[in-house]
Amino acid sequence: MKIERRLRRSWPWAALALFLVVPLALPEGFYLDLLMFTFMYAAMSVGWDIMGGYAGYVSLGHVGFFGLGSYTAALLLVHLGLPVFLTAPLVGVMASLLGAGLGFISLRTRGPAFVIVTLTFTYVAQLLMLDLKGVTGGSQGLFLPLLDLPANLIIVPFYYAMLALLVIAILVSIVIRRSKFGLGLIAIREDEGKAEASGVNTSLYKILAFAISVWFAGTAGALHAQYLNYVDPDLAFELIITLNLIIMSLFGGRGIVWGPVLGAFVIYPLSAYLVFLLPSRLAGQLHLVALGVVLVLVVMFMPDGVIRTYQAWRRKGPNDYRPVEPQASMAEAAG
């Protein structure tokens, strides 16, 4: 038991140490790019889970904050010359403030109504970036200046920035999970009426959770724009980004710190290889089909996610395993 506990405590640090030296051992751009985007999706998925997993409020608006973060960082760089590595956390704070305002309005609704409100916000943000041609470039988008680095090193700062974002996301999720605030969010997820009757300030808890959740999307969007050196409305507000976050969280297990991380490290590399191997004409459509199939399989056979299913299997044994009661409706999570 002591050895098992030591392994549980030490493996995250071992994984972090490994990821820190990967750029030295694997200088090839493809693998660094794959890991960098995996870190990005894992961080955003952990952030999404603070709202969608702990509080039980499924949001389709995170890609809206991702896109606004991309445009804000791009405009600060193009017009003021402020480097994205300096402004990205501040852009995340802007996203949090905007998220708190949106949460104050949208979190008065529940269930499908909240999903629709957050989705509407995404489309409104996309239309604004499309119509403000004098500022955002409209459908032509914005081109960002390149970093003054050798071509073979250009990905390294973004790799470490996304890794740092993931570490911050995991630490924040752990702190929330072990705090009174996290217990309040879980109480809201289980029964919001009873939580409010028990003295939980449900409105404040939900707004704070939403503001924290979208910080990671806004910060990731800022870094993403500089990495691509380009941003346009279709690229920044692509709905598949939010769908990826939801499926990753469902796959690993909602309301668990490591659930979204596991989901991202399984789903994104598989998706990337699928897109890389298939012909370009079919890659986009089959990618969506594959995500849909994964979602259906998870809902049917692992409604609690991989981690909870494995834990229940270990407790009960392979012969008498039955899925544990889900802590939140998977049908609701799927919209």
C-alpha atoms as a PDB file:
ATOM      1  CA  MET A   1       0.000   0.000   0.000  1.00  0.00           C
ATOM      2  CA  LYS A   2       2.828   2.404   0.854  1.00  0.00           C
ATOM      3  CA  ILE A   3       4.495   1.742  -2.495  1.00  0.00           C
ATOM      4  CA  GLU A   4       1.203   2.315  -4.311  1.00  0.00           C
ATOM      5  CA  ARG A   5       0.668   5.609  -2.482  1.00  0.00           C
ATOM      6  CA  ARG A   6       4.181   6.732  -3.318  1.00  0.00           C
ATOM      7  CA  LEU A   7       3.597   5.935  -6.966  1.00  0.00           C
ATOM      8  CA  ARG A   8       0.360   7.908  -6.967  1.00  0.00           C
ATOM      9  CA  ARG A   9       2.106  10.913  -5.488  1.00  0.00           C
ATOM     10  CA  SER A  10       5.269  10.720  -7.584  1.00  0.00           C
ATOM     11  CA  TRP A  11       4.031   9.928 -11.088  1.00  0.00           C
ATOM     12  CA  PRO A  12       2.779  13.483 -11.855  1.00  0.00           C
ATOM     13  CA  TRP A  13       6.190  14.895 -10.965  1.00  0.00           C
ATOM     14  CA  ALA A  14       7.917  12.233 -13.040  1.00  0.00           C
ATOM     15  CA  ALA A  15       5.642  13.040 -15.988  1.00  0.00           C
ATOM     16  CA  LEU A  16       6.363  16.763 -15.598  1.00  0.00           C
ATOM     17  CA  ALA A  17      10.113  16.126 -15.528  1.00  0.00           C
ATOM     18  CA  LEU A  18       9.784  14.014 -18.674  1.00  0.00           C
ATOM     19  CA  PHE A  19       7.826  16.690 -20.528  1.00  0.00           C
ATOM     20  CA  LEU A  20      10.371  19.327 -19.520  1.00  0.00           C
ATOM     21  CA  VAL A  21      13.192  17.456 -21.269  1.00  0.00           C
ATOM     22  CA  VAL A  22      11.210  16.326 -24.322  1.00  0.00           C
ATOM     23  CA  PRO A  23      12.328  19.310 -26.473  1.00  0.00           C
ATOM     24  CA  LEU A  24      15.925  18.292 -25.849  1.00  0.00           C
ATOM     25  CA  ALA A  25      15.360  14.637 -26.774  1.00  0.00           C
ATOM     26  CA  LEU A  26      12.821  15.076 -29.600  1.00  0.00           C
ATOM     27  CA  PRO A  27      13.670  18.175 -31.586  1.00  0.00           C
ATOM     28  CA  GLU A  28      11.329  17.138 -34.427  1.00  0.00           C
ATOM     29  CA  GLY A  29       8.532  19.643 -34.888  1.00  0.00           C
ATOM     30  CA  PHE A  30       5.731  17.126 -35.356  1.00  0.00           C
ATOM     31  CA  TYR A  31       6.001  15.580 -31.894  1.00  0.00           C
ATOM     32  CA  LEU A  32       6.494  18.890 -30.130  1.00  0.00           C
ATOM     33  CA  ASP A  33       3.494  20.297 -31.994  1.00  0.00           C
ATOM     34  CA  LEU A  34       1.418  17.262 -31.029  1.00  0.00           C
ATOM     35  CA  LEU A  35       2.337  17.572 -27.360  1.00  0.00           C
ATOM     36  CA  MET A  36       1.862  21.329 -27.334  1.00  0.00           C
ATOM     37  CA  PHE A  37      -1.704  21.087 -28.632  1.00  0.00           C
ATOM     38  CA  THR A  38      -2.372  18.196 -26.253  1.00  0.00           C
ATOM     39  CA  PHE A  39      -1.273  20.426 -23.361  1.00  0.00           C
ATOM     40  CA  MET A  40      -3.517  23.196 -24.652  1.00  0.00           C
ATOM     41  CA  TYR A  41      -6.595  21.009 -24.914  1.00  0.00           C
ATOM     42  CA  ALA A  42      -5.864  19.351 -21.561  1.00  0.00           C
ATOM     43  CA  ALA A  43      -5.599  22.740 -19.836  1.00  0.00           C
ATOM     44  CA  MET A  44      -8.806  24.030 -21.407  1.00  0.00           C
ATOM     45  CA  SER A  45     -10.605  20.763 -20.692  1.00  0.00           C
ATOM     46  CA  VAL A  46      -9.596  20.933 -17.018  1.00  0.00           C
ATOM     47  CA  GLY A  47     -10.855  24.517 -16.997  1.00  0.00           C
ATOM     48  CA  TRP A  48     -14.122  23.499 -18.672  1.00  0.00           C
ATOM     49  CA  ASP A  49     -14.568  20.754 -16.085  1.00  0.00           C
ATOM     50  CA  ILE A  50     -14.558  23.289 -13.247  1.00  0.00           C
ATOM     51  CA  MET A  51     -17.894  24.480 -14.617  1.00  0.00           C
ATOM     52  CA  GLY A  52     -19.149  21.435 -16.492  1.00  0.00           C
ATOM     53  CA  GLY A  53     -17.921  18.760 -14.080  1.00  0.00           C
ATOM     54  CA  TYR A  54     -17.883  20.250 -10.594  1.00  0.00           C
ATOM     55  CA  ALA A  55     -20.897  22.547 -10.955  1.00  0.00           C
ATOM     56  CA  GLY A  56     -22.710  20.473 -13.586  1.00  0.00           C
ATOM     57  CA  TYR A  57     -23.359  23.417 -15.942  1.00  0.00           C
ATOM     58  CA  VAL A  58     -22.449  22.454 -19.511  1.00  0.00           C
ATOM     59  CA  SER A  59     -21.061  25.399 -21.475  1.00  0.00           C
ATOM     60  CA  LEU A  60     -20.676  25.684 -25.235  1.00  0.00           C
ATOM     61  CA  GLY A  61     -19.260  29.187 -24.897  1.00  0.00           C
ATOM     62  CA  HIS A  62     -15.640  28.421 -24.074  1.00  0.00           C
ATOM     63  CA  VAL A  63     -14.642  28.642 -27.720  1.00  0.00           C
ATOM     64  CA  GLY A  64     -16.063  32.174 -27.675  1.00  0.00           C
ATOM     65  CA  PHE A  65     -13.578  33.146 -24.977  1.00  0.00           C
ATOM     66  CA  PHE A  66     -10.853  31.264 -26.832  1.00  0.00           C
ATOM     67  CA  GLY A  67     -11.562  33.303 -29.959  1.00  0.00           C
ATOM     68  CA  LEU A  68     -11.802  36.616 -28.121  1.00  0.00           C
ATOM     69  CA  GLY A  69      -8.519  35.821 -26.393  1.00  0.00           C
ATOM     70  CA  SER A  70      -6.929  35.176 -29.788  1.00  0.00           C
ATOM     71  CA  TYR A  71      -8.135  38.479 -31.211  1.00  0.00           C
ATOM     72  CA  THR A  72      -7.293  40.529 -28.119  1.00  0.00           C
ATOM     73  CA  ALA A  73      -3.718  39.245 -27.978  1.00  0.00           C
ATOM     74  CA  ALA A  74      -3.352  39.714 -31.738  1.00  0.00           C
ATOM     75  CA  LEU A  75      -4.553  43.340 -31.597  1.00  0.00           C
ATOM     76  CA  LEU A  76      -2.294  44.141 -28.642  1.00  0.00           C
ATOM     77  CA  LEU A  77       0.657  42.757 -30.579  1.00  0.00           C
ATOM     78  CA  VAL A  78      -0.138  44.339 -33.942  1.00  0.00           C
ATOM     79  CA  HIS A  79      -1.095  47.826 -32.702  1.00  0.00           C
ATOM     80  CA  LEU A  80       0.862  48.193 -29.450  1.00  0.00           C
ATOM     81  CA  GLY A  81       3.724  45.747 -29.966  1.00  0.00           C
ATOM     82  CA  LEU A  82       3.028  43.941 -26.682  1.00  0.00           C
ATOM     83  CA  PRO A  83       4.399  40.363 -26.783  1.00  0.00           C
ATOM     84  CA  VAL A  84       1.868  37.605 -26.307  1.00  0.00           C
ATOM     85  CA  PHE A  85       3.849  35.856 -23.570  1.00  0.00           C
ATOM     86  CA  LEU A  86       3.384  39.002 -21.492  1.00  0.00           C
ATOM     87  CA  THR A  87      -0.243  39.708 -22.374  1.00  0.00           C
ATOM     88  CA  ALA A  88      -1.645  36.143 -22.422  1.00  0.00           C
ATOM     89  CA  PRO A  89      -2.371  35.962 -18.652  1.00  0.00           C
ATOM     90  CA  LEU A  90      -3.892  39.454 -18.787  1.00  0.00           C
ATOM     91  CA  VAL A  91      -6.035  38.421 -21.732  1.00  0.00           C
ATOM     92  CA  GLY A  92      -7.173  35.500 -19.580  1.00  0.00           C
ATOM     93  CA  VAL A  93      -8.148  37.958 -16.844  1.00  0.00           C
ATOM     94  CA  MET A  94     -10.151  39.934 -19.423  1.00  0.00           C
ATOM     95  CA  ALA A  95     -11.903  36.703 -20.408  1.00  0.00           C
ATOM     96  CA  SER A  96     -12.652  36.013 -16.726  1.00  0.00           C
ATOM     97  CA  LEU A  97     -14.191  39.456 -16.239  1.00  0.00           C
ATOM     98  CA  LEU A  98     -16.278  39.016 -19.360  1.00  0.00           C
ATOM     99  CA  GLY A  99     -17.179  35.505 -18.200  1.00  0.00           C
ATOM    100  CA  ALA A 100     -18.307  36.855 -14.831  1.00  0.00           C
ATOM    101  CA  GLY A 101     -20.565  39.348 -16.616  1.00  0.00           C
ATOM    102  CA  LEU A 102     -21.952  36.696 -18.930  1.00  0.00           C
ATOM    103  CA  GLY A 103     -22.342  34.334 -15.984  1.00  0.00           C
ATOM    104  CA  PHE A 104     -24.308  36.942 -14.050  1.00  0.00           C
ATOM    105  CA  ILE A 105     -26.851  36.896 -16.878  1.00  0.00           C
ATOM    106  CA  SER A 106     -26.705  33.348 -18.249  1.00  0.00           C
ATOM    107  CA  LEU A 107     -26.403  31.443 -14.959  1.00  0.00           C
ATOM    108  CA  ARG A 108     -29.899  32.504 -14.028  1.00  0.00           C
ATOM    109  CA  THR A 109     -30.925  29.778 -16.475  1.00  0.00           C
ATOM    110  CA  ARG A 110     -30.362  26.032 -16.117  1.00  0.00           C
ATOM    111  CA  GLY A 111     -29.977  22.959 -18.287  1.00  0.00           C
ATOM    112  CA  PRO A 112     -30.567  23.396 -22.032  1.00  0.00           C
ATOM    113  CA  ALA A 113     -31.284  27.111 -21.638  1.00  0.00           C
ATOM    114  CA  PHE A 114     -27.778  27.737 -20.286  1.00  0.00           C
ATOM    115  CA  VAL A 115     -26.281  25.703 -23.143  1.00  0.00           C
ATOM    116  CA  ILE A 116     -28.180  27.820 -25.686  1.00  0.00           C
ATOM    117  CA  VAL A 117     -27.139  31.102 -24.041  1.00  0.00           C
ATOM    118  CA  THR A 118     -23.449  30.178 -24.084  1.00  0.00           C
ATOM    119  CA  LEU A 119     -23.677  28.969 -27.683  1.00  0.00           C
ATOM    120  CA  THR A 120     -25.365  32.236 -28.663  1.00  0.00           C
ATOM    121  CA  PHE A 121     -22.535  34.169 -27.035  1.00  0.00           C
ATOM    122  CA  THR A 122     -20.033  32.321 -29.225  1.00  0.00           C
ATOM    123  CA  TYR A 123     -21.879  33.174 -32.416  1.00  0.00           C
ATOM    124  CA  VAL A 124     -22.320  36.814 -31.379  1.00  0.00           C
ATOM    125  CA  ALA A 125     -18.590  37.129 -30.656  1.00  0.00           C
ATOM    126  CA  GLN A 126     -17.765  35.563 -34.021  1.00  0.00           C
ATOM    127  CA  LEU A 127     -20.099  37.938 -35.875  1.00  0.00           C
ATOM    128  CA  LEU A 128     -18.567  40.936 -34.120  1.00  0.00           C
ATOM    129  CA  MET A 129     -15.072  39.930 -35.181  1.00  0.00           C
ATOM    130  CA  LEU A 130     -16.364  39.388 -38.709  1.00  0.00           C
ATOM    131  CA  ASP A 131     -18.172  42.737 -38.955  1.00  0.00           C
ATOM    132  CA  LEU A 132     -15.531  44.972 -37.346  1.00  0.00           C
ATOM    133  CA  LYS A 133     -13.429  44.892 -40.492  1.00  0.00           C
ATOM    134  CA  GLY A 134     -11.530  48.089 -39.728  1.00  0.00           C
ATOM    135  CA  VAL A 135     -10.161  46.607 -36.506  1.00  0.00           C
ATOM    136  CA  THR A 136     -10.128  42.834 -36.939  1.00  0.00           C
ATOM    137  CA  GLY A 137      -9.670  42.536 -40.700  1.00  0.00           C
ATOM    138  CA  GLY A 138     -13.052  40.827 -41.104  1.00  0.00           C
ATOM    139  CA  SER A 139     -13.029  37.550 -42.983  1.00  0.00           C
ATOM    140  CA  GLN A 140      -9.440  38.158 -44.127  1.00  0.00           C
ATOM    141  CA  GLY A 141      -8.234  37.970 -40.544  1.00  0.00           C
ATOM    142  CA  LEU A 142      -5.080  39.372 -38.972  1.00  0.00           C
ATOM    143  CA  PHE A 143      -1.487  38.415 -39.701  1.00  0.00           C
ATOM    144  CA  LEU A 144       0.824  38.560 -36.705  1.00  0.00           C
ATOM    145  CA  PRO A 145       4.584  39.279 -36.823  1.00  0.00           C
ATOM    146  CA  LEU A 146       6.864  36.272 -36.473  1.00  0.00           C
ATOM    147  CA  LEU A 147       8.977  35.698 -33.413  1.00  0.00           C
ATOM    148  CA  ASP A 148      12.650  36.492 -33.877  1.00  0.00           C
ATOM    149  CA  LEU A 149      13.806  32.906 -33.338  1.00  0.00           C
ATOM    150  CA  PRO A 150      15.432  30.225 -35.522  1.00  0.00           C
ATOM    151  CA  ALA A 151      12.895  28.088 -37.364  1.00  0.00           C
ATOM    152  CA  ASN A 152      13.833  24.946 -35.462  1.00  0.00           C
ATOM    153  CA  LEU A 153      13.264  26.672 -32.094  1.00  0.00           C
ATOM    154  CA  ILE A 154      10.075  28.591 -32.825  1.00  0.00           C
ATOM    155  CA  ILE A 155       7.834  25.991 -31.206  1.00  0.00           C
ATOM    156  CA  VAL A 156       9.825  25.637 -27.969  1.00  0.00           C
ATOM    157  CA  PRO A 157       8.523  28.722 -26.080  1.00  0.00           C
ATOM    158  CA  PHE A 158       4.935  27.815 -26.961  1.00  0.00           C
ATOM    159  CA  TYR A 159       5.539  24.237 -25.863  1.00  0.00           C
ATOM    160  CA  TYR A 160       6.659  25.365 -22.418  1.00  0.00           C
ATOM    161  CA  ALA A 161       3.939  28.019 -22.200  1.00  0.00           C
ATOM    162  CA  MET A 162       1.194  25.457 -22.854  1.00  0.00           C
ATOM    163  CA  LEU A 163       2.827  23.036 -20.401  1.00  0.00           C
ATOM    164  CA  ALA A 164       2.839  25.781 -17.756  1.00  0.00           C
ATOM    165  CA  LEU A 165      -0.832  26.490 -18.514  1.00  0.00           C
ATOM    166  CA  LEU A 166      -1.658  22.818 -17.987  1.00  0.00           C
ATOM    167  CA  VAL A 167       0.231  22.705 -14.674  1.00  0.00           C
ATOM    168  CA  ILE A 168      -1.640  25.795 -13.482  1.00  0.00           C
ATOM    169  CA  ALA A 169      -4.965  24.255 -14.542  1.00  0.00           C
ATOM    170  CA  ILE A 170      -4.273  21.032 -12.634  1.00  0.00           C
ATOM    171  CA  LEU A 171      -3.156  22.886  -9.494  1.00  0.00           C
ATOM    172  CA  VAL A 172      -6.226  25.148  -9.581  1.00  0.00           C
ATOM    173  CA  SER A 173      -8.501  22.144 -10.062  1.00  0.00           C
ATOM    174  CA  ILE A 174      -6.870  20.321  -7.123  1.00  0.00           C
ATOM    175  CA  VAL A 175      -7.251  23.349  -4.854  1.00  0.00           C
ATOM    176  CA  ILE A 176     -10.896  23.796  -5.845  1.00  0.00           C
ATOM    177  CA  ARG A 177     -11.655  20.088  -5.433  1.00  0.00           C
ATOM    178  CA  ARG A 178     -10.309  20.102  -1.870  1.00  0.00           C
ATOM    179  CA  SER A 179     -11.852  23.425  -0.811  1.00  0.00           C
ATOM    180  CA  LYS A 180     -15.194  24.507   0.578  1.00  0.00           C
ATOM    181  CA  PHE A 181     -15.772  26.241  -2.750  1.00  0.00           C
ATOM    182  CA  GLY A 182     -15.399  22.920  -4.573  1.00  0.00           C
ATOM    183  CA  LEU A 183     -17.784  21.183  -2.183  1.00  0.00           C
ATOM    184  CA  GLY A 184     -20.279  23.950  -2.851  1.00  0.00           C
ATOM    185  CA  LEU A 185     -19.980  23.445  -6.612  1.00  0.00           C
ATOM    186  CA  ILE A 186     -20.521  19.697  -6.208  1.00  0.00           C
ATOM    187  CA  ALA A 187     -23.564  20.400  -4.042  1.00  0.00           C
ATOM    188  CA  ILE A 188     -24.928  22.640  -6.811  1.00  0.00           C
ATOM    189  CA  ARG A 189     -24.383  19.849  -9.314  1.00  0.00           C
ATOM    190  CA  GLU A 190     -26.176  17.266  -7.198  1.00  0.00           C
ATOM    191  CA  ASP A 191     -29.153  19.417  -6.173  1.00  0.00           C
ATOM    192  CA  GLU A 192     -28.990  23.169  -6.567  1.00  0.00           C
ATOM    193  CA  GLY A 193     -32.180  23.788  -4.602  1.00  0.00           C
ATOM    194  CA  LYS A 194     -30.938  21.871  -1.576  1.00  0.00           C
ATOM    195  CA  ALA A 195     -27.524  23.499  -1.835  1.00  0.00           C
ATOM    196  CA  GLU A 196     -29.113  26.956  -1.731  1.00  0.00           C
ATOM    197  CA  ALA A 197     -31.334  25.942   1.172  1.00  0.00           C
ATOM    198  CA  SER A 198     -28.213  24.736   3.007  1.00  0.00           C
ATOM    199  CA  GLY A 199     -26.648  28.187   2.833  1.00  0.00           C
ATOM    200  CA  VAL A 200     -24.534  27.902  -0.329  1.00  0.00           C
ATOM    201  CA  ASN A 201     -24.483  31.172  -2.255  1.00  0.00           C
ATOM    202  CA  THR A 202     -25.188  29.381  -5.520  1.00  0.00           C
ATOM    203  CA  SER A 203     -25.180  32.487  -7.715  1.00  0.00           C
ATOM    204  CA  LEU A 204     -21.784  33.651  -6.488  1.00  0.00           C
ATOM    205  CA  TYR A 205     -20.287  30.156  -6.664  1.00  0.00           C
ATOM    206  CA  LYS A 206     -21.441  29.652 -10.238  1.00  0.00           C
ATOM    207  CA  ILE A 207     -20.183  33.054 -11.409  1.00  0.00           C
ATOM    208  CA  LEU A 208     -16.777  32.489  -9.796  1.00  0.00           C
ATOM    209  CA  ALA A 209     -16.538  28.994 -11.276  1.00  0.00           C
ATOM    210  CA  PHE A 210     -17.392  30.296 -14.742  1.00  0.00           C
ATOM    211  CA  ALA A 211     -14.865  33.142 -14.464  1.00  0.00           C
ATOM    212  CA  ILE A 212     -12.089  30.748 -13.405  1.00  0.00           C
ATOM    213  CA  SER A 213     -13.092  28.237 -16.058  1.00  0.00           C
ATOM    214  CA  VAL A 214     -12.863  30.633 -19.008  1.00  0.00           C
ATOM    215  CA  TRP A 215      -9.495  32.078 -17.922  1.00  0.00           C
ATOM    216  CA  PHE A 216      -7.777  29.035 -19.376  1.00  0.00           C
ATOM    217  CA  ALA A 217      -9.669  29.339 -22.678  1.00  0.00           C
ATOM    218  CA  GLY A 218      -8.781  33.022 -23.058  1.00  0.00           C
ATOM    219  CA  THR A 219      -5.111  32.472 -22.211  1.00  0.00           C
ATOM    220  CA  ALA A 220      -4.828  29.470 -24.531  1.00  0.00           C
ATOM    221  CA  GLY A 221      -6.463  31.467 -27.334  1.00  0.00           C
ATOM    222  CA  ALA A 222      -3.880  34.232 -26.956  1.00  0.00           C
ATOM    223  CA  LEU A 223      -0.964  31.800 -27.219  1.00  0.00           C
ATOM    224  CA  HIS A 224      -2.628  29.931 -30.083  1.00  0.00           C
ATOM    225  CA  ALA A 225      -2.952  33.087 -32.197  1.00  0.00           C
ATOM    226  CA  GLN A 226       0.739  33.938 -31.869  1.00  0.00           C
ATOM    227  CA  TYR A 227       1.790  30.358 -32.580  1.00  0.00           C
ATOM    228  CA  LEU A 228      -0.125  30.338 -35.880  1.00  0.00           C
ATOM    229  CA  ASN A 229       0.811  34.002 -36.599  1.00  0.00           C
ATOM    230  CA  TYR A 230      -2.714  34.412 -37.906  1.00  0.00           C
ATOM    231  CA  VAL A 231      -6.275  34.627 -36.657  1.00  0.00           C
ATOM    232  CA  ASP A 232      -9.636  34.810 -38.430  1.00  0.00           C
ATOM    233  CA  PRO A 233     -13.263  34.304 -37.296  1.00  0.00           C
ATOM    234  CA  ASP A 234     -13.562  30.750 -38.617  1.00  0.00           C
ATOM    235  CA  LEU A 235     -10.310  29.611 -37.044  1.00  0.00           C
ATOM    236  CA  ALA A 236     -10.771  31.331 -33.685  1.00  0.00           C
ATOM    237  CA  PHE A 237     -14.409  30.387 -33.097  1.00  0.00           C
ATOM    238  CA  GLU A 238     -14.469  26.845 -34.445  1.00  0.00           C
ATOM    239  CA  LEU A 239     -17.146  24.989 -32.489  1.00  0.00           C
ATOM    240  CA  ILE A 240     -15.196  21.726 -32.671  1.00  0.00           C
ATOM    241  CA  ILE A 241     -12.871  23.189 -30.014  1.00  0.00           C
ATOM    242  CA  THR A 242     -15.632  23.201 -27.404  1.00  0.00           C
ATOM    243  CA  LEU A 243     -16.874  19.785 -28.514  1.00  0.00           C
ATOM    244  CA  ASN A 244     -13.359  18.428 -28.020  1.00  0.00           C
ATOM    245  CA  LEU A 245     -13.264  19.825 -24.487  1.00  0.00           C
ATOM    246  CA  ILE A 246     -16.569  18.189 -23.607  1.00  0.00           C
ATOM    247  CA  ILE A 247     -15.703  14.806 -25.092  1.00  0.00           C
ATOM    248  CA  MET A 248     -12.282  14.797 -23.410  1.00  0.00           C
ATOM    249  CA  SER A 249     -13.854  15.535 -20.054  1.00  0.00           C
ATOM    250  CA  LEU A 250     -16.539  12.893 -20.516  1.00  0.00           C
ATOM    251  CA  PHE A 251     -14.019  10.308 -21.657  1.00  0.00           C
ATOM    252  CA  GLY A 252     -11.728  10.673 -18.666  1.00  0.00           C
ATOM    253  CA  GLY A 253     -14.478  11.421 -16.168  1.00  0.00           C
ATOM    254  CA  ARG A 254     -16.213  14.654 -15.198  1.00  0.00           C
ATOM    255  CA  GLY A 255     -15.595  16.128 -11.783  1.00  0.00           C
ATOM    256  CA  ILE A 256     -12.202  14.408 -11.444  1.00  0.00           C
ATOM    257  CA  VAL A 257      -8.948  16.375 -11.549  1.00  0.00           C
ATOM    258  CA  TRP A 258      -7.174  13.932 -13.856  1.00  0.00           C
ATOM    259  CA  GLY A 259     -10.223  12.945 -15.929  1.00  0.00           C
ATOM    260  CA  PRO A 260      -9.996  15.757 -18.521  1.00  0.00           C
ATOM    261  CA  VAL A 261      -6.199  15.354 -18.656  1.00  0.00           C
ATOM    262  CA  LEU A 262      -6.514  11.673 -19.507  1.00  0.00           C
ATOM    263  CA  GLY A 263      -9.204  12.441 -22.068  1.00  0.00           C
ATOM    264  CA  ALA A 264      -7.022  15.047 -23.786  1.00  0.00           C
ATOM    265  CA  PHE A 265      -3.954  12.802 -23.874  1.00  0.00           C
ATOM    266  CA  VAL A 266      -6.007  10.034 -25.516  1.00  0.00           C
ATOM    267  CA  ILE A 267      -8.434  11.901 -27.753  1.00  0.00           C
ATOM    268  CA  TYR A 268      -6.251  14.627 -29.264  1.00  0.00           C
ATOM    269  CA  PRO A 269      -3.299  12.459 -30.398  1.00  0.00           C
ATOM    270  CA  LEU A 270      -5.726   9.947 -31.935  1.00  0.00           C
ATOM    271  CA  SER A 271      -7.585  12.759 -33.703  1.00  0.00           C
ATOM    272  CA  ALA A 272      -4.337  14.291 -34.941  1.00  0.00           C
ATOM    273  CA  TYR A 273      -3.117  10.990 -36.341  1.00  0.00           C
ATOM    274  CA  LEU A 274      -6.508  10.402 -37.959  1.00  0.00           C
ATOM    275  CA  VAL A 275      -6.385  13.790 -39.689  1.00  0.00           C
ATOM    276  CA  PHE A 276      -2.737  13.234 -40.666  1.00  0.00           C
ATOM    277  CA  LEU A 277      -3.289   9.781 -42.182  1.00  0.00           C
ATOM    278  CA  LEU A 278      -6.572  10.371 -44.027  1.00  0.00           C
ATOM    279  CA  PRO A 279      -6.909  12.245 -47.338  1.00  0.00           C
ATOM    280  CA  SER A 280      -7.556  15.961 -46.807  1.00  0.00           C
ATOM    281  CA  ARG A 281     -11.018  15.766 -48.395  1.00  0.00           C
ATOM    282  CA  LEU A 282     -12.205  13.188 -45.865  1.00  0.00           C
ATOM    283  CA  ALA A 283     -10.207  14.114 -42.764  1.00  0.00           C
ATOM    284  CA  GLY A 284     -12.543  16.830 -41.493  1.00  0.00           C
ATOM    285  CA  GLN A 285     -15.771  14.855 -41.898  1.00  0.00           C
ATOM    286  CA  LEU A 286     -14.386  11.581 -40.551  1.00  0.00           C
ATOM    287  CA  HIS A 287     -12.838  13.420 -37.633  1.00  0.00           C
ATOM    288  CA  LEU A 288     -16.286  14.646 -36.589  1.00  0.00           C
ATOM    289  CA  VAL A 289     -17.744  11.187 -37.094  1.00  0.00           C
ATOM    290  CA  ALA A 290     -15.006   9.677 -34.935  1.00  0.00           C
ATOM    291  CA  LEU A 291     -15.690  12.163 -32.132  1.00  0.00           C
ATOM    292  CA  GLY A 292     -19.388  11.332 -32.317  1.00  0.00           C
ATOM    293  CA  VAL A 293     -18.664   7.610 -32.130  1.00  0.00           C
ATOM    294  CA  VAL A 294     -16.408   8.128 -29.097  1.00  0.00           C
ATOM    295  CA  LEU A 295     -19.138  10.149 -27.377  1.00  0.00           C
ATOM    296  CA  VAL A 296     -21.776   7.470 -28.018  1.00  0.00           C
ATOM    297  CA  LEU A 297     -19.499   4.651 -26.848  1.00  0.00           C
ATOM    298  CA  VAL A 298     -18.586   6.503 -23.657  1.00  0.00           C
ATOM    299  CA  VAL A 299     -22.216   7.267 -22.836  1.00  0.00           C
ATOM    300  CA  MET A 300     -23.259   3.665 -23.506  1.00  0.00           C
ATOM    301  CA  PHE A 301     -20.441   1.681 -21.912  1.00  0.00           C
ATOM    302  CA  MET A 302     -18.570   4.073 -19.590  1.00  0.00           C
ATOM    303  CA  PRO A 303     -21.102   6.668 -18.399  1.00  0.00           C
ATOM    304  CA  ASP A 304     -18.826   7.610 -15.497  1.00  0.00           C
ATOM    305  CA  GLY A 305     -15.682   7.966 -17.622  1.00  0.00           C
ATOM    306  CA  VAL A 306     -12.591   5.810 -17.840  1.00  0.00           C
ATOM    307  CA  ILE A 307     -11.182   6.640 -14.404  1.00  0.00           C
ATOM    308  CA  ARG A 308     -14.344   5.944 -12.403  1.00  0.00           C
ATOM    309  CA  THR A 309     -15.057   2.826 -14.447  1.00  0.00           C
ATOM    310  CA  TYR A 310     -11.554   1.516 -13.728  1.00  0.00           C
ATOM    311  CA  GLN A 311     -11.849   2.352 -10.025  1.00  0.00           C
ATOM    312  CA  ALA A 312     -15.180   0.565  -9.781  1.00  0.00           C
ATOM    313  CA  TRP A 313     -13.758  -2.432 -11.664  1.00  0.00           C
ATOM    314  CA  ARG A 314     -10.856  -2.643  -9.202  1.00  0.00           C
ATOM    315  CA  ARG A 315     -13.162  -2.451  -6.196  1.00  0.00           C
ATOM    316  CA  LYS A 316     -15.714  -4.995  -7.394  1.00  0.00           C
ATOM    317  CA  GLY A 317     -13.606  -7.222  -9.625  1.00  0.00           C
ATOM    318  CA  PRO A 318     -14.052  -7.959 -13.354  1.00  0.00           C
ATOM    319  CA  ASN A 319     -16.760 -10.584 -12.839  1.00  0.00           C
ATOM    320  CA  ASP A 320     -19.291  -8.634 -10.825  1.00  0.00           C
ATOM    321  CA  TYR A 321     -18.611  -5.130 -12.162  1.00  0.00           C
ATOM    322  CA  ARG A 322     -21.579  -2.867 -12.710  1.00  0.00           C
ATOM    323  CA  PRO A 323     -21.214   0.845 -13.511  1.00  0.00           C
ATOM    324  CA  VAL A 324     -21.479   3.075 -10.470  1.00  0.00           C
ATOM    325  CA  GLU A 325     -24.167   5.688 -10.335  1.00  0.00           C
ATOM    326  CA  PRO A 326     -22.999   8.659 -12.384  1.00  0.00           C
ATOM    327  CA  GLN A 327     -22.450  11.816 -10.391  1.00  0.00           C
ATOM    328  CA  ALA A 328     -24.007  13.858 -13.138  1.00  0.00           C
ATOM    329  CA  SER A 329     -26.209  13.025 -16.087  1.00  0.00           C
ATOM    330  CA  MET A 330     -24.144  12.153 -19.139  1.00  0.00           C
ATOM    331  CA  ALA A 331     -27.123  12.940 -21.340  1.00  0.00           C
ATOM    332  CA  GLU A 332     -27.089  16.488 -19.981  1.00  0.00           C
ATOM    333  CA  ALA A 333     -23.364  16.735 -20.587  1.00  0.00           C
ATOM    334  CA  ALA A 334     -23.858  15.703 -24.197  1.00  0.00           C
ATOM    335  CA  GLY A 335     -26.381  18.501 -24.618  1.00  0.00           C
END
